[in-house]
Amino acid sequence: MNIVRWIIGVVIFLAALLFSFANAEQATLHFFGFGSWQAPLIFVVFCAFALGVTCGLLAGAFRTARLNRELKKARKALLAYEKETEQTVDATAPPPPASSD
């Protein structure tokens, strides 16, 4: 299975490399009248891809942090509940029988 992953990775890398060679011409980006920037088209596509990946990772990191906070809060509540029920059970339990030694 590991060899299949490597083969697929190499094929995707070669396809991306050929794509970059086919799109080497200059592209001009205009920033709403504030200026413009010229770069190879593949660089522009790569920057857009990297920005999308970064935004996705940040959104995932924020969600993970929120879920970890909720999990910590739930664990504290469970621990408090277990302590409360333990004390309640101890208070309502009959005393142990006295031994006649």
N, C-alpha and C. Protein backbone atom coordinates (compact mmCIF):
# COMPACT_ATOMS: atom_id res chain seq x y z
N MET A 1 0.82 -1.20 0.00
CA MET A 1 0.00 0.00 0.00
C MET A 1 0.87 1.26 0.00
N ASN A 2 2.00 1.19 0.69
CA ASN A 2 2.90 2.34 0.77
C ASN A 2 3.47 2.68 -0.60
N ILE A 3 3.76 1.66 -1.41
CA ILE A 3 4.32 1.91 -2.75
C ILE A 3 3.30 2.59 -3.64
N VAL A 4 2.00 2.28 -3.44
CA VAL A 4 0.95 2.91 -4.23
C VAL A 4 0.89 4.40 -3.91
N ARG A 5 1.03 4.75 -2.63
CA ARG A 5 1.04 6.17 -2.25
C ARG A 5 2.20 6.91 -2.91
N TRP A 6 3.37 6.29 -2.91
CA TRP A 6 4.53 6.92 -3.53
C TRP A 6 4.31 7.11 -5.03
N ILE A 7 3.76 6.12 -5.68
CA ILE A 7 3.52 6.23 -7.13
C ILE A 7 2.52 7.34 -7.41
N ILE A 8 1.44 7.39 -6.64
CA ILE A 8 0.44 8.45 -6.83
C ILE A 8 1.06 9.82 -6.55
N GLY A 9 1.89 9.93 -5.50
CA GLY A 9 2.56 11.19 -5.19
C GLY A 9 3.49 11.65 -6.30
N VAL A 10 4.24 10.72 -6.87
CA VAL A 10 5.15 11.06 -7.96
C VAL A 10 4.36 11.50 -9.19
N VAL A 11 3.27 10.82 -9.49
CA VAL A 11 2.44 11.19 -10.65
C VAL A 11 1.85 12.59 -10.46
N ILE A 12 1.35 12.89 -9.26
CA ILE A 12 0.80 14.22 -9.00
C ILE A 12 1.88 15.28 -9.08
N PHE A 13 3.06 14.98 -8.54
CA PHE A 13 4.17 15.94 -8.60
C PHE A 13 4.56 16.22 -10.05
N LEU A 14 4.68 15.18 -10.86
CA LEU A 14 5.05 15.37 -12.27
C LEU A 14 3.97 16.13 -13.03
N ALA A 15 2.71 15.87 -12.71
CA ALA A 15 1.63 16.62 -13.36
C ALA A 15 1.69 18.09 -12.99
N ALA A 16 1.95 18.38 -11.73
CA ALA A 16 2.08 19.78 -11.29
C ALA A 16 3.30 20.44 -11.93
N LEU A 17 4.39 19.70 -12.06
CA LEU A 17 5.59 20.25 -12.70
C LEU A 17 5.33 20.57 -14.16
N LEU A 18 4.69 19.67 -14.87
CA LEU A 18 4.35 19.93 -16.28
C LEU A 18 3.37 21.09 -16.39
N PHE A 19 2.42 21.18 -15.46
CA PHE A 19 1.48 22.29 -15.43
C PHE A 19 2.21 23.61 -15.25
N SER A 20 3.22 23.62 -14.39
CA SER A 20 3.96 24.85 -14.16
C SER A 20 4.78 25.26 -15.37
N PHE A 21 5.36 24.29 -16.07
CA PHE A 21 6.11 24.62 -17.29
C PHE A 21 5.19 25.12 -18.39
N ALA A 22 3.97 24.62 -18.44
CA ALA A 22 3.03 25.04 -19.47
C ALA A 22 2.45 26.42 -19.17
N ASN A 23 2.53 26.90 -17.93
CA ASN A 23 1.96 28.19 -17.53
C ASN A 23 3.03 29.12 -16.97
N ALA A 24 4.09 29.30 -17.72
CA ALA A 24 5.20 30.11 -17.26
C ALA A 24 5.09 31.57 -17.68
N GLU A 25 4.07 31.93 -18.46
CA GLU A 25 3.96 33.32 -18.91
C GLU A 25 3.60 34.24 -17.74
N GLN A 26 3.81 35.51 -17.94
CA GLN A 26 3.57 36.51 -16.90
C GLN A 26 2.09 36.78 -16.74
N ALA A 27 1.69 36.98 -15.51
CA ALA A 27 0.32 37.38 -15.20
C ALA A 27 0.39 38.67 -14.40
N THR A 28 -0.56 39.55 -14.64
CA THR A 28 -0.60 40.83 -13.93
C THR A 28 -1.82 40.83 -13.02
N LEU A 29 -1.58 41.10 -11.76
CA LEU A 29 -2.66 41.23 -10.79
C LEU A 29 -2.85 42.70 -10.46
N HIS A 30 -4.08 43.17 -10.53
CA HIS A 30 -4.41 44.56 -10.21
C HIS A 30 -5.13 44.59 -8.87
N PHE A 31 -4.67 45.42 -7.96
CA PHE A 31 -5.21 45.49 -6.61
C PHE A 31 -6.16 46.68 -6.45
N PHE A 32 -7.29 46.64 -7.11
CA PHE A 32 -8.36 47.63 -7.00
C PHE A 32 -7.84 49.06 -7.11
N GLY A 33 -6.96 49.31 -8.03
CA GLY A 33 -6.45 50.65 -8.26
C GLY A 33 -5.30 51.06 -7.36
N PHE A 34 -4.91 50.22 -6.41
CA PHE A 34 -3.81 50.55 -5.51
C PHE A 34 -2.46 50.17 -6.09
N GLY A 35 -2.44 49.44 -7.13
CA GLY A 35 -1.19 49.02 -7.74
C GLY A 35 -1.38 47.71 -8.49
N SER A 36 -0.32 47.26 -9.07
CA SER A 36 -0.38 46.00 -9.79
C SER A 36 0.90 45.21 -9.53
N TRP A 37 0.85 43.94 -9.83
CA TRP A 37 1.97 43.06 -9.57
C TRP A 37 2.06 42.06 -10.71
N GLN A 38 3.27 41.86 -11.23
CA GLN A 38 3.48 40.89 -12.29
C GLN A 38 4.30 39.73 -11.77
N ALA A 39 3.85 38.52 -12.09
CA ALA A 39 4.55 37.32 -11.67
C ALA A 39 4.18 36.20 -12.63
N PRO A 40 4.98 35.15 -12.66
CA PRO A 40 4.60 34.01 -13.49
C PRO A 40 3.26 33.43 -13.02
N LEU A 41 2.47 32.96 -13.96
CA LEU A 41 1.13 32.47 -13.65
C LEU A 41 1.17 31.32 -12.64
N ILE A 42 2.12 30.43 -12.76
CA ILE A 42 2.18 29.31 -11.83
C ILE A 42 2.46 29.79 -10.41
N PHE A 43 3.23 30.87 -10.27
CA PHE A 43 3.50 31.43 -8.94
C PHE A 43 2.23 32.02 -8.34
N VAL A 44 1.43 32.67 -9.17
CA VAL A 44 0.16 33.23 -8.71
C VAL A 44 -0.77 32.11 -8.27
N VAL A 45 -0.84 31.03 -9.06
CA VAL A 45 -1.69 29.90 -8.71
C VAL A 45 -1.19 29.25 -7.42
N PHE A 46 0.12 29.10 -7.29
CA PHE A 46 0.68 28.52 -6.07
C PHE A 46 0.38 29.38 -4.85
N CYS A 47 0.49 30.69 -4.99
CA CYS A 47 0.19 31.59 -3.86
C CYS A 47 -1.28 31.48 -3.46
N ALA A 48 -2.17 31.41 -4.44
CA ALA A 48 -3.59 31.27 -4.13
C ALA A 48 -3.86 29.93 -3.42
N PHE A 49 -3.21 28.87 -3.88
CA PHE A 49 -3.35 27.57 -3.25
C PHE A 49 -2.82 27.61 -1.82
N ALA A 50 -1.64 28.19 -1.62
CA ALA A 50 -1.05 28.26 -0.29
C ALA A 50 -1.92 29.09 0.65
N LEU A 51 -2.50 30.17 0.15
CA LEU A 51 -3.39 30.99 0.98
C LEU A 51 -4.64 30.21 1.37
N GLY A 52 -5.18 29.44 0.45
CA GLY A 52 -6.35 28.60 0.75
C GLY A 52 -6.03 27.53 1.78
N VAL A 53 -4.88 26.88 1.65
CA VAL A 53 -4.47 25.86 2.61
C VAL A 53 -4.27 26.48 3.99
N THR A 54 -3.63 27.64 4.03
CA THR A 54 -3.39 28.33 5.30
C THR A 54 -4.71 28.70 5.98
N CYS A 55 -5.65 29.23 5.22
CA CYS A 55 -6.95 29.59 5.80
C CYS A 55 -7.67 28.34 6.31
N GLY A 56 -7.61 27.26 5.57
CA GLY A 56 -8.23 26.01 6.01
C GLY A 56 -7.60 25.46 7.27
N LEU A 57 -6.28 25.51 7.35
CA LEU A 57 -5.58 25.02 8.55
C LEU A 57 -5.90 25.89 9.77
N LEU A 58 -5.96 27.20 9.56
CA LEU A 58 -6.30 28.09 10.67
C LEU A 58 -7.71 27.84 11.17
N ALA A 59 -8.64 27.66 10.25
CA ALA A 59 -10.02 27.37 10.65
C ALA A 59 -10.07 26.06 11.43
N GLY A 60 -9.34 25.06 10.98
CA GLY A 60 -9.29 23.79 11.69
C GLY A 60 -8.64 23.92 13.06
N ALA A 61 -7.60 24.73 13.15
CA ALA A 61 -6.92 24.93 14.44
C ALA A 61 -7.84 25.64 15.43
N PHE A 62 -8.58 26.64 14.97
CA PHE A 62 -9.51 27.34 15.86
C PHE A 62 -10.61 26.40 16.33
N ARG A 63 -11.12 25.57 15.44
CA ARG A 63 -12.17 24.62 15.81
C ARG A 63 -11.63 23.60 16.80
N THR A 64 -10.42 23.11 16.56
CA THR A 64 -9.82 22.14 17.48
C THR A 64 -9.61 22.76 18.86
N ALA A 65 -9.16 24.00 18.92
CA ALA A 65 -8.96 24.67 20.20
C ALA A 65 -10.28 24.83 20.94
N ARG A 66 -11.34 25.20 20.21
CA ARG A 66 -12.66 25.35 20.83
C ARG A 66 -13.15 24.01 21.36
N LEU A 67 -13.00 22.96 20.57
CA LEU A 67 -13.44 21.64 21.02
C LEU A 67 -12.64 21.15 22.22
N ASN A 68 -11.34 21.46 22.26
CA ASN A 68 -10.53 21.08 23.43
C ASN A 68 -10.98 21.81 24.68
N ARG A 69 -11.34 23.08 24.54
CA ARG A 69 -11.85 23.83 25.71
C ARG A 69 -13.16 23.21 26.20
N GLU A 70 -14.05 22.88 25.27
CA GLU A 70 -15.32 22.26 25.66
C GLU A 70 -15.09 20.90 26.32
N LEU A 71 -14.14 20.14 25.80
CA LEU A 71 -13.83 18.83 26.38
C LEU A 71 -13.28 18.97 27.79
N LYS A 72 -12.41 19.95 28.00
CA LYS A 72 -11.85 20.19 29.33
C LYS A 72 -12.95 20.58 30.31
N LYS A 73 -13.87 21.43 29.86
CA LYS A 73 -14.98 21.84 30.70
C LYS A 73 -15.89 20.65 31.04
N ALA A 74 -16.14 19.80 30.06
CA ALA A 74 -16.99 18.63 30.29
C ALA A 74 -16.32 17.64 31.24
N ARG A 75 -15.01 17.48 31.12
CA ARG A 75 -14.29 16.59 32.04
C ARG A 75 -14.36 17.11 33.47
N LYS A 76 -14.21 18.44 33.65
CA LYS A 76 -14.32 19.02 34.99
C LYS A 76 -15.71 18.79 35.56
N ALA A 77 -16.74 18.98 34.74
CA ALA A 77 -18.10 18.77 35.20
C ALA A 77 -18.33 17.31 35.56
N LEU A 78 -17.79 16.39 34.78
CA LEU A 78 -17.93 14.96 35.08
C LEU A 78 -17.23 14.61 36.38
N LEU A 79 -16.05 15.15 36.59
CA LEU A 79 -15.32 14.89 37.83
C LEU A 79 -16.08 15.42 39.04
N ALA A 80 -16.64 16.62 38.90
CA ALA A 80 -17.43 17.20 39.99
C ALA A 80 -18.66 16.35 40.25
N TYR A 81 -19.31 15.87 39.20
CA TYR A 81 -20.49 15.02 39.35
C TYR A 81 -20.14 13.70 40.03
N GLU A 82 -19.01 13.12 39.64
CA GLU A 82 -18.59 11.86 40.26
C GLU A 82 -18.29 12.05 41.74
N LYS A 83 -17.65 13.15 42.10
CA LYS A 83 -17.38 13.42 43.52
C LYS A 83 -18.67 13.63 44.29
N GLU A 84 -19.61 14.35 43.70
CA GLU A 84 -20.89 14.62 44.35
C GLU A 84 -21.67 13.33 44.57
N THR A 85 -21.73 12.48 43.55
CA THR A 85 -22.47 11.23 43.70
C THR A 85 -21.76 10.28 44.66
N GLU A 86 -20.45 10.33 44.70
CA GLU A 86 -19.69 9.49 45.63
C GLU A 86 -20.00 9.88 47.07
N GLN A 87 -20.07 11.17 47.34
CA GLN A 87 -20.39 11.64 48.68
C GLN A 87 -21.83 11.30 49.04
N THR A 88 -22.73 11.40 48.08
CA THR A 88 -24.14 11.08 48.32
C THR A 88 -24.30 9.60 48.63
N VAL A 89 -23.62 8.75 47.90
CA VAL A 89 -23.69 7.31 48.13
C VAL A 89 -23.12 6.98 49.49
N ASP A 90 -22.01 7.61 49.87
CA ASP A 90 -21.40 7.36 51.17
C ASP A 90 -22.33 7.78 52.31
N ALA A 91 -23.06 8.87 52.14
CA ALA A 91 -23.91 9.38 53.19
C ALA A 91 -25.16 8.53 53.36
N THR A 92 -25.64 7.93 52.29
CA THR A 92 -26.87 7.15 52.37
C THR A 92 -26.61 5.66 52.61
N ALA A 93 -25.38 5.24 52.53
CA ALA A 93 -25.06 3.82 52.72
C ALA A 93 -25.17 3.46 54.21
N PRO A 94 -25.68 2.28 54.50
CA PRO A 94 -25.75 1.85 55.92
C PRO A 94 -24.34 1.63 56.46
N PRO A 95 -24.16 1.82 57.73
CA PRO A 95 -22.81 1.61 58.31
C PRO A 95 -22.41 0.15 58.21
N PRO A 96 -21.13 -0.11 58.09
CA PRO A 96 -20.70 -1.49 58.00
C PRO A 96 -20.98 -2.23 59.30
N PRO A 97 -21.26 -3.52 59.22
CA PRO A 97 -21.54 -4.28 60.44
C PRO A 97 -20.29 -4.33 61.33
N ALA A 98 -20.57 -4.29 62.62
CA ALA A 98 -19.48 -4.34 63.59
C ALA A 98 -18.96 -5.78 63.69
N SER A 99 -17.71 -5.92 63.79
CA SER A 99 -17.14 -7.26 63.90
C SER A 99 -17.07 -7.66 65.38
N SER A 100 -17.22 -8.91 65.65
CA SER A 100 -17.21 -9.39 67.03
C SER A 100 -15.91 -10.12 67.31
N ASP A 101 -14.84 -9.45 67.26
CA ASP A 101 -13.52 -10.09 67.51
C ASP A 101 -13.20 -10.16 68.93
